[in-house]
Amino acid sequence: MSTSSIDRMTRDVHLSGKDLMAMVQLRPKDIGSYAIVPGPKERLDSLVKKMENPVKNFSFMEYNMYTGTINGIRLTAINGGRFAADTAITTEILCNAETKVLIRIGSCGALRRDIKIGDFIMTTGCIRGEGVSPYYVDEKFVTLPDSDLTQKFTGIAKNIASGALATVHEGKVWSTDAILRETKEVVNRVIDQGAIGVDMVSAPFLTIAQVYKIPAVSILAVSDNLITGQMGFINPDYYMAEGMLIQMALELVKQLEGVK
């Protein structure tokens, strides 16, 4: 076959974030200035129960988006994905819908012995080990949350966590796609780079937000510990921490709006 007979793509992109918005019939005016983004649907359902007059914006595949109010503040919530790829899809939708602030409430494994199940990690930066972000930025790009948001959110989180005798740790999070390839060789290498936690979401979430210049922050409840081998997915302390994540995020929104 001659090269002249091979088709070539001429459009800049096959499917864009704006195309996704059109597919789910979402308009910028349909959502709030603030978006809280949990991973699983169960955490989304708990969040929506705390909202006043929530309206479902769309249901698409496994994603559901609601917009309502909290103390009169317009707020959007979406189960934003458990993995890098689906997180990128929902983050693109939120960014193209022109939300003003993105707040991720997720979970992670700990990479330090002293971090216990039910503690929290406030993400101060990311080590990008997943397969999505390289399509957005080059290897020299430094993925960071918004510094002002992070500082304010850390204070709120520490205040709430202290009541449950939990600790908020601050540090880098390594995001990876390969949950079953977290071998000691790979894990120790990212620990040497400063990582104190591991998830599958923070790096693509924060990277895409940076690309769109939208302030974003990510806090994670600790579900397991790779150093001690402890698994806490059904630990009551972890379930309590999941509930506190919602409380922390809502308090951040209120403080950003100056609501007592």
Foldseek 3Di string as FASTA:
>chain_A
DDPVPDDDDDDPDDAALVNLCVVFVHALVQAFLEEEEEADVVLQVVLVVQFDPWDWSGQDDNKTKIWGHHPRGIYMYMNQHQAAVSNLNSLSNCLVSPRQEYEYEYAWAFADPPADALAKEWAAWEDEAADPLCVVDPPPDTQGADPVLSVVLQVLLQVLVVVVVHYYHYWYEYAHRCPVPCDPVNSVVVVVVTHGIYGRHPRSNRSVCVSSVHHYTYMHGYQYYPVVGGGRVVPVSNVVSSVVSSVSVVVSVCVVVPHD
